[in-house]
Amino acid sequence: MKNSRFTLSMTLLTIGALAYCILFVTSGAIPMMIGWLGLIASILSVVGSGIKFVQPSFGILFTIGFLLMMLFEIIFGGWLLF
């Protein structure tokens, strides 16, 4: 139960990151490369968390997507600050 709550919260985080990534790319606030990184990270995380709900032992796609999401958040936050 505890693990499924974490997976659900990470899924919601990636859906939110995908939404504001699309918003900022379409408005021109961030470069397209940062937007593509966010898009790829979000898709990998959402698909990986869906697979993890069905098959809990297979979490490598979720882990890769989550690490890419952390990288995206760091780059995205740095871009918006500077």
Protein backbone atom coordinates (compact mmCIF):
# COMPACT_ATOMS: atom_id res chain seq x y z
CA MET A 1 0.00 0.00 0.00
CA LYS A 2 2.77 2.40 0.94
CA ASN A 3 4.64 1.68 -2.30
CA SER A 4 1.52 2.14 -4.43
CA ARG A 5 0.88 5.57 -2.87
CA PHE A 6 4.39 6.63 -3.81
CA THR A 7 3.92 5.38 -7.37
CA LEU A 8 0.60 7.20 -7.66
CA SER A 9 2.09 10.44 -6.34
CA MET A 10 5.00 10.18 -8.80
CA THR A 11 2.53 9.57 -11.62
CA LEU A 12 0.63 12.73 -10.69
CA LEU A 13 3.92 14.64 -10.46
CA THR A 14 4.91 13.59 -13.95
CA ILE A 15 1.50 14.46 -15.39
CA GLY A 16 1.79 17.91 -13.82
CA ALA A 17 5.34 18.34 -15.10
CA LEU A 18 4.18 17.37 -18.58
CA ALA A 19 1.38 19.94 -18.40
CA TYR A 20 3.56 22.87 -17.40
CA CYS A 21 6.32 21.75 -19.75
CA ILE A 22 3.87 21.97 -22.67
CA LEU A 23 2.63 25.33 -21.40
CA PHE A 24 6.09 26.86 -21.12
CA VAL A 25 7.27 25.49 -24.48
CA THR A 26 4.22 26.77 -26.35
CA SER A 27 4.54 30.20 -24.74
CA GLY A 28 8.26 30.37 -25.60
CA ALA A 29 9.46 30.70 -22.00
CA ILE A 30 11.94 27.81 -22.24
CA PRO A 31 13.94 26.37 -25.15
CA MET A 32 12.61 23.44 -27.12
CA MET A 33 15.44 21.10 -25.93
CA ILE A 34 14.41 21.47 -22.29
CA GLY A 35 10.82 20.87 -23.34
CA TRP A 36 11.72 17.66 -25.18
CA LEU A 37 13.60 16.41 -22.13
CA GLY A 38 10.54 17.04 -19.98
CA LEU A 39 8.25 15.38 -22.49
CA ILE A 40 10.39 12.25 -22.73
CA ALA A 41 10.87 12.05 -18.97
CA SER A 42 7.14 12.45 -18.33
CA ILE A 43 6.13 9.82 -20.84
CA LEU A 44 8.69 7.32 -19.52
CA SER A 45 7.61 7.92 -15.93
CA VAL A 46 3.89 7.60 -16.62
CA VAL A 47 4.29 4.45 -18.73
CA GLY A 48 6.74 3.02 -16.19
CA SER A 49 4.41 3.67 -13.28
CA GLY A 50 1.54 2.04 -15.17
CA ILE A 51 3.68 -1.04 -15.75
CA LYS A 52 4.76 -0.96 -12.11
CA PHE A 53 1.13 -1.04 -10.95
CA VAL A 54 0.52 -4.17 -13.03
CA GLN A 55 3.90 -5.87 -12.48
CA PRO A 56 5.51 -4.50 -9.26
CA SER A 57 8.79 -6.33 -9.85
CA PHE A 58 9.43 -4.50 -13.14
CA GLY A 59 10.36 -0.95 -12.16
CA ILE A 60 13.35 -0.12 -14.35
CA LEU A 61 11.38 2.06 -16.78
CA PHE A 62 9.86 3.96 -13.86
CA THR A 63 13.32 4.46 -12.34
CA ILE A 64 14.82 5.74 -15.60
CA GLY A 65 11.87 8.08 -16.12
CA PHE A 66 12.09 9.34 -12.55
CA LEU A 67 15.82 10.08 -12.86
CA LEU A 68 15.20 11.92 -16.13
CA MET A 69 12.40 13.84 -14.42
CA MET A 70 14.76 14.92 -11.65
CA LEU A 71 17.29 16.07 -14.26
CA PHE A 72 14.56 17.95 -16.10
CA GLU A 73 13.38 19.67 -12.92
CA ILE A 74 16.91 20.81 -12.08
CA ILE A 75 17.58 22.16 -15.58
CA PHE A 76 14.13 23.70 -15.81
CA GLY A 77 14.42 25.42 -12.43
CA GLY A 78 17.88 26.72 -13.29
CA TRP A 79 16.64 28.08 -16.60
CA LEU A 80 13.74 29.89 -14.97
CA LEU A 81 15.97 31.36 -12.24
CA PHE A 82 18.66 32.68 -14.57
